[in-house]
C-alpha cells in the first residue's frame, strides 16, 4: 500500500472526501516527521514505534573501486514492530502455507 492507496482507503472507510482524507494523512505524516526530526519517538500502540538511532563513524569500502572511505556518524529513523502487528502478520503468513 502506498500513500495514495492509504488516502483512498481512508476516504472510502470514513466517507470523507478524498481532499479531506489526503489532508488528514499528510498531517499525520507531518506530525510524525517533525517529532522524529526533533529527536522524539513516535509510538502507535498495536502497530509499532519509530525512533532515531545513532550510528558511529566507520571505515567502509567503495564497492566499485575497493577504495577505503570514511563513513561519518549518522542518525537514522528506526521502526520497531509492535506485538499485535507482528502476531497478525505471522498468523496471516502461516495461514497461506
PDB file of N, CA and C in Angstrom:
ATOM      1  N   UNK A   1       0.854  -1.172   0.000  1.00  0.00           N
ATOM      2  CA  UNK A   1       0.000   0.000   0.000  1.00  0.00           C
ATOM      3  C   UNK A   1       0.899   1.234   0.000  1.00  0.00           C
ATOM      4  N   UNK A   2       0.615   2.151  -0.904  1.00  0.00           N
ATOM      5  CA  UNK A   2       1.357   3.400  -0.923  1.00  0.00           C
ATOM      6  C   UNK A   2       0.477   4.522  -0.352  1.00  0.00           C
ATOM      7  N   UNK A   3       1.007   5.728  -0.337  1.00  0.00           N
ATOM      8  CA  UNK A   3       0.296   6.859   0.268  1.00  0.00           C
ATOM      9  C   UNK A   3      -1.047   7.126  -0.422  1.00  0.00           C
ATOM     10  N   UNK A   4      -1.083   7.078  -1.724  1.00  0.00           N
ATOM     11  CA  UNK A   4      -2.327   7.319  -2.462  1.00  0.00           C
ATOM     12  C   UNK A   4      -3.381   6.267  -2.129  1.00  0.00           C
ATOM     13  N   UNK A   5      -2.955   5.029  -2.005  1.00  0.00           N
ATOM     14  CA  UNK A   5      -3.881   3.959  -1.648  1.00  0.00           C
ATOM     15  C   UNK A   5      -4.389   4.125  -0.218  1.00  0.00           C
ATOM     16  N   UNK A   6      -3.527   4.581   0.672  1.00  0.00           N
ATOM     17  CA  UNK A   6      -3.941   4.850   2.047  1.00  0.00           C
ATOM     18  C   UNK A   6      -4.992   5.953   2.091  1.00  0.00           C
ATOM     19  N   UNK A   7      -4.775   7.004   1.330  1.00  0.00           N
ATOM     20  CA  UNK A   7      -5.734   8.110   1.254  1.00  0.00           C
ATOM     21  C   UNK A   7      -7.071   7.602   0.720  1.00  0.00           C
ATOM     22  N   UNK A   8      -7.027   6.812  -0.320  1.00  0.00           N
ATOM     23  CA  UNK A   8      -8.248   6.266  -0.913  1.00  0.00           C
ATOM     24  C   UNK A   8      -8.989   5.366   0.075  1.00  0.00           C
ATOM     25  N   UNK A   9      -8.251   4.516   0.786  1.00  0.00           N
ATOM     26  CA  UNK A   9      -8.876   3.621   1.771  1.00  0.00           C
ATOM     27  C   UNK A   9      -9.524   4.419   2.897  1.00  0.00           C
ATOM     28  N   UNK A  10      -8.858   5.456   3.372  1.00  0.00           N
ATOM     29  CA  UNK A  10      -9.415   6.305   4.426  1.00  0.00           C
ATOM     30  C   UNK A  10     -10.684   6.992   3.939  1.00  0.00           C
ATOM     31  N   UNK A  11     -10.648   7.484   2.733  1.00  0.00           N
ATOM     32  CA  UNK A  11     -11.803   8.156   2.149  1.00  0.00           C
ATOM     33  C   UNK A  11     -12.998   7.207   2.057  1.00  0.00           C
ATOM     34  N   UNK A  12     -12.763   6.004   1.578  1.00  0.00           N
ATOM     35  CA  UNK A  12     -13.848   5.034   1.418  1.00  0.00           C
ATOM     36  C   UNK A  12     -14.385   4.543   2.757  1.00  0.00           C
ATOM     37  N   UNK A  13     -13.497   4.284   3.715  1.00  0.00           N
ATOM     38  CA  UNK A  13     -13.911   3.761   5.022  1.00  0.00           C
ATOM     39  C   UNK A  13     -14.709   4.777   5.837  1.00  0.00           C
ATOM     40  N   UNK A  14     -14.351   6.062   5.716  1.00  0.00           N
ATOM     41  CA  UNK A  14     -14.962   7.093   6.563  1.00  0.00           C
ATOM     42  C   UNK A  14     -16.037   7.903   5.856  1.00  0.00           C
ATOM     43  N   UNK A  15     -16.064   7.834   4.529  1.00  0.00           N
ATOM     44  CA  UNK A  15     -16.998   8.668   3.784  1.00  0.00           C
ATOM     45  C   UNK A  15     -16.503  10.094   3.617  1.00  0.00           C
ATOM     46  N   UNK A  16     -15.264  10.349   4.014  1.00  0.00           N
ATOM     47  CA  UNK A  16     -14.674  11.676   3.820  1.00  0.00           C
ATOM     48  C   UNK A  16     -14.368  11.899   2.344  1.00  0.00           C
ATOM     49  N   UNK A  17     -14.316  13.153   1.964  1.00  0.00           N
ATOM     50  CA  UNK A  17     -13.892  13.444   0.593  1.00  0.00           C
ATOM     51  C   UNK A  17     -12.422  13.067   0.461  1.00  0.00           C
ATOM     52  N   UNK A  18     -12.001  12.845  -0.770  1.00  0.00           N
ATOM     53  CA  UNK A  18     -10.601  12.494  -0.991  1.00  0.00           C
ATOM     54  C   UNK A  18      -9.683  13.606  -0.506  1.00  0.00           C
ATOM     55  N   UNK A  19     -10.083  14.856  -0.701  1.00  0.00           N
ATOM     56  CA  UNK A  19      -9.274  16.002  -0.269  1.00  0.00           C
ATOM     57  C   UNK A  19      -9.105  16.005   1.254  1.00  0.00           C
ATOM     58  N   UNK A  20     -10.196  15.743   1.976  1.00  0.00           N
ATOM     59  CA  UNK A  20     -10.105  15.718   3.443  1.00  0.00           C
ATOM     60  C   UNK A  20      -9.255  14.541   3.918  1.00  0.00           C
ATOM     61  N   UNK A  21      -9.415  13.389   3.286  1.00  0.00           N
ATOM     62  CA  UNK A  21      -8.618  12.216   3.649  1.00  0.00           C
ATOM     63  C   UNK A  21      -7.138  12.483   3.381  1.00  0.00           C
ATOM     64  N   UNK A  22      -6.828  13.132   2.274  1.00  0.00           N
ATOM     65  CA  UNK A  22      -5.443  13.470   1.938  1.00  0.00           C
ATOM     66  C   UNK A  22      -4.869  14.438   2.969  1.00  0.00           C
ATOM     67  N   UNK A  23      -5.662  15.421   3.382  1.00  0.00           N
ATOM     68  CA  UNK A  23      -5.230  16.384   4.396  1.00  0.00           C
ATOM     69  C   UNK A  23      -4.886  15.661   5.694  1.00  0.00           C
ATOM     70  N   UNK A  24      -5.731  14.751   6.126  1.00  0.00           N
ATOM     71  CA  UNK A  24      -5.506  14.022   7.376  1.00  0.00           C
ATOM     72  C   UNK A  24      -4.239  13.178   7.298  1.00  0.00           C
ATOM     73  N   UNK A  25      -4.078  12.421   6.231  1.00  0.00           N
ATOM     74  CA  UNK A  25      -2.892  11.579   6.074  1.00  0.00           C
ATOM     75  C   UNK A  25      -1.632  12.445   6.072  1.00  0.00           C
ATOM     76  N   UNK A  26      -1.656  13.546   5.333  1.00  0.00           N
ATOM     77  CA  UNK A  26      -0.489  14.431   5.287  1.00  0.00           C
ATOM     78  C   UNK A  26      -0.170  15.022   6.658  1.00  0.00           C
ATOM     79  N   UNK A  27      -1.195  15.402   7.411  1.00  0.00           N
ATOM     80  CA  UNK A  27      -0.982  15.975   8.742  1.00  0.00           C
ATOM     81  C   UNK A  27      -0.382  14.948   9.701  1.00  0.00           C
ATOM     82  N   UNK A  28      -0.861  13.713   9.632  1.00  0.00           N
ATOM     83  CA  UNK A  28      -0.316  12.659  10.496  1.00  0.00           C
ATOM     84  C   UNK A  28       1.155  12.420  10.160  1.00  0.00           C
ATOM     85  N   UNK A  29       1.472  12.287   8.885  1.00  0.00           N
ATOM     86  CA  UNK A  29       2.864  12.070   8.489  1.00  0.00           C
ATOM     87  C   UNK A  29       3.738  13.263   8.859  1.00  0.00           C
ATOM     88  N   UNK A  30       3.210  14.473   8.692  1.00  0.00           N
ATOM     89  CA  UNK A  30       3.973  15.674   9.032  1.00  0.00           C
ATOM     90  C   UNK A  30       4.275  15.712  10.526  1.00  0.00           C
ATOM     91  N   UNK A  31       3.289  15.401  11.365  1.00  0.00           N
ATOM     92  CA  UNK A  31       3.491  15.403  12.817  1.00  0.00           C
ATOM     93  C   UNK A  31       4.531  14.354  13.213  1.00  0.00           C
ATOM     94  N   UNK A  32       4.466  13.181  12.591  1.00  0.00           N
ATOM     95  CA  UNK A  32       5.439  12.133  12.884  1.00  0.00           C
ATOM     96  C   UNK A  32       6.841  12.549  12.444  1.00  0.00           C
ATOM     97  N   UNK A  33       6.937  13.142  11.275  1.00  0.00           N
ATOM     98  CA  UNK A  33       8.232  13.589  10.750  1.00  0.00           C
ATOM     99  C   UNK A  33       8.843  14.651  11.644  1.00  0.00           C
ATOM    100  N   UNK A  34       8.037  15.620  12.076  1.00  0.00           N
ATOM    101  CA  UNK A  34       8.543  16.679  12.951  1.00  0.00           C
ATOM    102  C   UNK A  34       9.011  16.120  14.286  1.00  0.00           C
ATOM    103  N   UNK A  35       8.259  15.182  14.858  1.00  0.00           N
ATOM    104  CA  UNK A  35       8.652  14.582  16.131  1.00  0.00           C
ATOM    105  C   UNK A  35       9.995  13.870  15.987  1.00  0.00           C
ATOM    106  N   UNK A  36      10.161  13.088  14.931  1.00  0.00           N
ATOM    107  CA  UNK A  36      11.416  12.376  14.723  1.00  0.00           C
ATOM    108  C   UNK A  36      12.569  13.342  14.465  1.00  0.00           C
ATOM    109  N   UNK A  37      12.322  14.407  13.713  1.00  0.00           N
ATOM    110  CA  UNK A  37      13.357  15.395  13.428  1.00  0.00           C
ATOM    111  C   UNK A  37      13.834  16.089  14.703  1.00  0.00           C
ATOM    112  N   UNK A  38      12.950  16.176  15.699  1.00  0.00           N
ATOM    113  CA  UNK A  38      13.309  16.796  16.979  1.00  0.00           C
ATOM    114  C   UNK A  38      13.882  15.777  17.963  1.00  0.00           C
ATOM    115  N   UNK A  39      14.068  14.544  17.502  1.00  0.00           N
ATOM    116  CA  UNK A  39      14.656  13.515  18.341  1.00  0.00           C
ATOM    117  C   UNK A  39      13.665  12.781  19.226  1.00  0.00           C
ATOM    118  N   UNK A  40      12.384  13.041  19.043  1.00  0.00           N
ATOM    119  CA  UNK A  40      11.354  12.362  19.825  1.00  0.00           C
ATOM    120  C   UNK A  40      10.977  11.048  19.153  1.00  0.00           C
ATOM    121  N   UNK A  41      10.428  10.131  19.937  1.00  0.00           N
ATOM    122  CA  UNK A  41       9.932   8.879  19.387  1.00  0.00           C
ATOM    123  C   UNK A  41       8.457   9.015  19.057  1.00  0.00           C
ATOM    124  N   UNK A  42       7.961   8.133  18.238  1.00  0.00           N
ATOM    125  CA  UNK A  42       6.549   8.081  17.888  1.00  0.00           C
ATOM    126  C   UNK A  42       6.085   6.645  18.138  1.00  0.00           C
ATOM    127  N   UNK A  43       5.098   6.491  19.020  1.00  0.00           N
ATOM    128  CA  UNK A  43       4.585   5.156  19.335  1.00  0.00           C
ATOM    129  C   UNK A  43       3.124   5.069  18.955  1.00  0.00           C
ATOM    130  N   UNK A  44       2.792   4.055  18.181  1.00  0.00           N
ATOM    131  CA  UNK A  44       1.413   3.797  17.791  1.00  0.00           C
ATOM    132  C   UNK A  44       1.070   2.419  18.329  1.00  0.00           C
ATOM    133  N   UNK A  45       0.326   2.403  19.409  1.00  0.00           N
ATOM    134  CA  UNK A  45       0.008   1.144  20.096  1.00  0.00           C
ATOM    135  C   UNK A  45      -0.606   0.134  19.144  1.00  0.00           C
ATOM    136  N   UNK A  46      -0.147  -1.085  19.221  1.00  0.00           N
ATOM    137  CA  UNK A  46      -0.656  -2.152  18.370  1.00  0.00           C
ATOM    138  C   UNK A  46      -0.019  -2.182  16.991  1.00  0.00           C
ATOM    139  N   UNK A  47       0.735  -1.145  16.654  1.00  0.00           N
ATOM    140  CA  UNK A  47       1.366  -1.074  15.331  1.00  0.00           C
ATOM    141  C   UNK A  47       2.880  -1.139  15.463  1.00  0.00           C
ATOM    142  N   UNK A  48       3.453  -0.180  16.198  1.00  0.00           N
ATOM    143  CA  UNK A  48       4.897  -0.155  16.373  1.00  0.00           C
ATOM    144  C   UNK A  48       5.367   1.210  16.818  1.00  0.00           C
ATOM    145  N   UNK A  49       6.672   1.355  16.884  1.00  0.00           N
ATOM    146  CA  UNK A  49       7.237   2.635  17.308  1.00  0.00           C
ATOM    147  C   UNK A  49       8.387   3.034  16.389  1.00  0.00           C
ATOM    148  N   UNK A  50       8.497   4.317  16.196  1.00  0.00           N
ATOM    149  CA  UNK A  50       9.572   4.900  15.404  1.00  0.00           C
ATOM    150  C   UNK A  50      10.490   5.640  16.367  1.00  0.00           C
ATOM    151  N   UNK A  51      11.779   5.513  16.157  1.00  0.00           N
ATOM    152  CA  UNK A  51      12.748   6.231  16.975  1.00  0.00           C
ATOM    153  C   UNK A  51      13.931   6.596  16.087  1.00  0.00           C
ATOM    154  N   UNK A  52      14.840   7.364  16.664  1.00  0.00           N
ATOM    155  CA  UNK A  52      16.058   7.744  15.947  1.00  0.00           C
ATOM    156  C   UNK A  52      17.207   6.941  16.540  1.00  0.00           C
ATOM    157  N   UNK A  53      17.960   6.285  15.690  1.00  0.00           N
ATOM    158  CA  UNK A  53      19.143   5.537  16.136  1.00  0.00           C
ATOM    159  C   UNK A  53      20.387   6.269  15.656  1.00  0.00           C
ATOM    160  N   UNK A  54      21.361   6.325  16.551  1.00  0.00           N
ATOM    161  CA  UNK A  54      22.638   6.952  16.205  1.00  0.00           C
ATOM    162  C   UNK A  54      23.637   5.862  15.834  1.00  0.00           C
ATOM    163  N   UNK A  55      24.336   6.084  14.746  1.00  0.00           N
ATOM    164  CA  UNK A  55      25.327   5.136  14.269  1.00  0.00           C
ATOM    165  C   UNK A  55      26.707   5.792  14.302  1.00  0.00           C
ATOM    166  N   UNK A  56      27.683   5.044  14.777  1.00  0.00           N
ATOM    167  CA  UNK A  56      29.062   5.531  14.873  1.00  0.00           C
ATOM    168  C   UNK A  56      29.683   5.660  13.477  1.00  0.00           C
ATOM    169  N   UNK A  57      30.729   6.456  13.406  1.00  0.00           N
ATOM    170  CA  UNK A  57      31.508   6.540  12.171  1.00  0.00           C
ATOM    171  C   UNK A  57      32.266   5.224  11.996  1.00  0.00           C
ATOM    172  N   UNK A  58      32.531   4.863  10.757  1.00  0.00           N
ATOM    173  CA  UNK A  58      33.299   3.652  10.490  1.00  0.00           C
ATOM    174  C   UNK A  58      34.009   3.785   9.153  1.00  0.00           C
ATOM    175  N   UNK A  59      34.929   2.867   8.909  1.00  0.00           N
ATOM    176  CA  UNK A  59      35.648   2.865   7.642  1.00  0.00           C
ATOM    177  C   UNK A  59      35.025   1.812   6.741  1.00  0.00           C
ATOM    178  N   UNK A  60      34.566   2.233   5.586  1.00  0.00           N
ATOM    179  CA  UNK A  60      33.960   1.323   4.632  1.00  0.00           C
ATOM    180  C   UNK A  60      34.774   1.247   3.362  1.00  0.00           C
ATOM    181  N   UNK A  61      34.213   0.605   2.375  1.00  0.00           N
ATOM    182  CA  UNK A  61      34.884   0.489   1.076  1.00  0.00           C
ATOM    183  C   UNK A  61      33.915   0.837  -0.039  1.00  0.00           C
ATOM    184  N   UNK A  62      34.422   1.507  -1.046  1.00  0.00           N
ATOM    185  CA  UNK A  62      33.659   1.780  -2.244  1.00  0.00           C
ATOM    186  C   UNK A  62      33.513   0.447  -2.982  1.00  0.00           C
ATOM    187  N   UNK A  63      32.272  -0.016  -3.205  1.00  0.00           N
ATOM    188  CA  UNK A  63      32.115  -1.339  -3.831  1.00  0.00           C
ATOM    189  C   UNK A  63      32.661  -1.432  -5.251  1.00  0.00           C
ATOM    190  N   UNK A  64      32.717  -0.305  -5.960  1.00  0.00           N
ATOM    191  CA  UNK A  64      33.227  -0.338  -7.338  1.00  0.00           C
ATOM    192  C   UNK A  64      34.746  -0.407  -7.385  1.00  0.00           C
ATOM    193  N   UNK A  65      35.393   0.448  -6.570  1.00  0.00           N
ATOM    194  CA  UNK A  65      36.850   0.566  -6.662  1.00  0.00           C
ATOM    195  C   UNK A  65      37.591  -0.164  -5.545  1.00  0.00           C
ATOM    196  N   UNK A  66      36.896  -0.483  -4.468  1.00  0.00           N
ATOM    197  CA  UNK A  66      37.555  -1.112  -3.327  1.00  0.00           C
ATOM    198  C   UNK A  66      38.289  -0.107  -2.450  1.00  0.00           C
ATOM    199  N   UNK A  67      38.238   1.164  -2.847  1.00  0.00           N
ATOM    200  CA  UNK A  67      38.916   2.229  -2.096  1.00  0.00           C
ATOM    201  C   UNK A  67      38.285   2.391  -0.713  1.00  0.00           C
ATOM    202  N   UNK A  68      39.143   2.582   0.300  1.00  0.00           N
ATOM    203  CA  UNK A  68      38.651   2.793   1.660  1.00  0.00           C
ATOM    204  C   UNK A  68      38.063   4.204   1.763  1.00  0.00           C
ATOM    205  N   UNK A  69      36.922   4.296   2.442  1.00  0.00           N
ATOM    206  CA  UNK A  69      36.310   5.607   2.653  1.00  0.00           C
ATOM    207  C   UNK A  69      35.842   5.707   4.102  1.00  0.00           C
ATOM    208  N   UNK A  70      35.830   6.916   4.626  1.00  0.00           N
ATOM    209  CA  UNK A  70      35.341   7.148   5.975  1.00  0.00           C
ATOM    210  C   UNK A  70      33.853   7.483   5.899  1.00  0.00           C
ATOM    211  N   UNK A  71      33.056   6.733   6.628  1.00  0.00           N
ATOM    212  CA  UNK A  71      31.618   6.970   6.687  1.00  0.00           C
ATOM    213  C   UNK A  71      31.365   7.738   7.988  1.00  0.00           C
ATOM    214  N   UNK A  72      30.807   8.950   7.882  1.00  0.00           N
ATOM    215  CA  UNK A  72      30.612   9.762   9.086  1.00  0.00           C
ATOM    216  C   UNK A  72      29.502   9.206   9.980  1.00  0.00           C
ATOM    217  N   UNK A  73      29.483   9.628  11.244  1.00  0.00           N
ATOM    218  CA  UNK A  73      28.379   9.196  12.111  1.00  0.00           C
ATOM    219  C   UNK A  73      27.066   9.737  11.567  1.00  0.00           C
ATOM    220  N   UNK A  74      25.978   9.038  11.869  1.00  0.00           N
ATOM    221  CA  UNK A  74      24.694   9.478  11.337  1.00  0.00           C
ATOM    222  C   UNK A  74      23.568   9.083  12.274  1.00  0.00           C
ATOM    223  N   UNK A  75      22.453   9.747  12.094  1.00  0.00           N
ATOM    224  CA  UNK A  75      21.229   9.443  12.819  1.00  0.00           C
ATOM    225  C   UNK A  75      20.176   9.069  11.779  1.00  0.00           C
ATOM    226  N   UNK A  76      19.523   7.916  11.986  1.00  0.00           N
ATOM    227  CA  UNK A  76      18.534   7.445  11.030  1.00  0.00           C
ATOM    228  C   UNK A  76      17.277   6.979  11.749  1.00  0.00           C
ATOM    229  N   UNK A  77      16.110   7.100  11.102  1.00  0.00           N
ATOM    230  CA  UNK A  77      14.887   6.586  11.703  1.00  0.00           C
ATOM    231  C   UNK A  77      14.929   5.062  11.770  1.00  0.00           C
ATOM    232  N   UNK A  78      14.323   4.524  12.817  1.00  0.00           N
ATOM    233  CA  UNK A  78      14.269   3.081  13.027  1.00  0.00           C
ATOM    234  C   UNK A  78      12.846   2.724  13.430  1.00  0.00           C
ATOM    235  N   UNK A  79      12.313   1.642  12.866  1.00  0.00           N
ATOM    236  CA  UNK A  79      10.958   1.190  13.192  1.00  0.00           C
ATOM    237  C   UNK A  79      11.033  -0.137  13.913  1.00  0.00           C
ATOM    238  N   UNK A  80      10.342  -0.226  15.041  1.00  0.00           N
ATOM    239  CA  UNK A  80      10.232  -1.488  15.779  1.00  0.00           C
ATOM    240  C   UNK A  80       8.775  -1.903  15.745  1.00  0.00           C
ATOM    241  N   UNK A  81       8.505  -3.064  15.169  1.00  0.00           N
ATOM    242  CA  UNK A  81       7.133  -3.536  15.001  1.00  0.00           C
ATOM    243  C   UNK A  81       6.526  -3.864  16.366  1.00  0.00           C
ATOM    244  N   UNK A  82       5.245  -3.561  16.522  1.00  0.00           N
ATOM    245  CA  UNK A  82       4.523  -3.861  17.748  1.00  0.00           C
ATOM    246  C   UNK A  82       4.092  -5.317  17.799  1.00  0.00           C
ATOM    247  N   UNK A  83       3.813  -5.782  19.009  1.00  0.00           N
ATOM    248  CA  UNK A  83       3.458  -7.187  19.212  1.00  0.00           C
ATOM    249  C   UNK A  83       2.200  -7.576  18.430  1.00  0.00           C
ATOM    250  N   UNK A  84       1.162  -6.740  18.472  1.00  0.00           N
ATOM    251  CA  UNK A  84      -0.088  -7.068  17.777  1.00  0.00           C
ATOM    252  C   UNK A  84       0.125  -7.208  16.273  1.00  0.00           C
ATOM    253  N   UNK A  85       0.843  -6.287  15.678  1.00  0.00           N
ATOM    254  CA  UNK A  85       1.108  -6.337  14.237  1.00  0.00           C
ATOM    255  C   UNK A  85       1.964  -7.553  13.891  1.00  0.00           C
ATOM    256  N   UNK A  86       2.980  -7.796  14.692  1.00  0.00           N
ATOM    257  CA  UNK A  86       3.856  -8.946  14.444  1.00  0.00           C
ATOM    258  C   UNK A  86       3.044 -10.245  14.446  1.00  0.00           C
ATOM    259  N   UNK A  87       2.157 -10.391  15.423  1.00  0.00           N
ATOM    260  CA  UNK A  87       1.347 -11.603  15.511  1.00  0.00           C
ATOM    261  C   UNK A  87       0.365 -11.720  14.340  1.00  0.00           C
ATOM    262  N   UNK A  88      -0.235 -10.604  13.959  1.00  0.00           N
ATOM    263  CA  UNK A  88      -1.184 -10.647  12.824  1.00  0.00           C
ATOM    264  C   UNK A  88      -0.508 -11.059  11.538  1.00  0.00           C
ATOM    265  N   UNK A  89       0.661 -10.482  11.291  1.00  0.00           N
ATOM    266  CA  UNK A  89       1.404 -10.808  10.073  1.00  0.00           C
ATOM    267  C   UNK A  89       1.872 -12.257  10.127  1.00  0.00           C
ATOM    268  N   UNK A  90       2.371 -12.659  11.254  1.00  0.00           N
ATOM    269  CA  UNK A  90       2.864 -14.029  11.426  1.00  0.00           C
ATOM    270  C   UNK A  90       1.741 -15.036  11.186  1.00  0.00           C
ATOM    271  N   UNK A  91       0.576 -14.790  11.764  1.00  0.00           N
ATOM    272  CA  UNK A  91      -0.549 -15.695  11.604  1.00  0.00           C
ATOM    273  C   UNK A  91      -1.067 -15.712  10.168  1.00  0.00           C
ATOM    274  N   UNK A  92      -1.065 -14.570   9.512  1.00  0.00           N
ATOM    275  CA  UNK A  92      -1.523 -14.464   8.124  1.00  0.00           C
ATOM    276  C   UNK A  92      -0.605 -15.261   7.200  1.00  0.00           C
ATOM    277  N   UNK A  93       0.696 -15.165   7.427  1.00  0.00           N
ATOM    278  CA  UNK A  93       1.674 -15.881   6.599  1.00  0.00           C
ATOM    279  C   UNK A  93       1.530 -17.372   6.828  1.00  0.00           C
ATOM    280  N   UNK A  94       1.339 -17.805   8.062  1.00  0.00           N
ATOM    281  CA  UNK A  94       1.190 -19.231   8.353  1.00  0.00           C
ATOM    282  C   UNK A  94      -0.057 -19.809   7.712  1.00  0.00           C
ATOM    283  N   UNK A  95      -1.120 -19.008   7.621  1.00  0.00           N
ATOM    284  CA  UNK A  95      -2.363 -19.479   7.021  1.00  0.00           C
ATOM    285  C   UNK A  95      -2.190 -19.736   5.526  1.00  0.00           C
ATOM    286  N   UNK A  96      -1.303 -18.989   4.862  1.00  0.00           N
ATOM    287  CA  UNK A  96      -1.081 -19.158   3.431  1.00  0.00           C
ATOM    288  C   UNK A  96      -0.287 -20.415   3.113  1.00  0.00           C
ATOM    289  N   UNK A  97       0.554 -20.868   4.054  1.00  0.00           N
ATOM    290  CA  UNK A  97       1.414 -22.041   3.817  1.00  0.00           C
ATOM    291  C   UNK A  97       0.642 -23.311   3.703  1.00  0.00           C
TER     292      UNK A  97
END
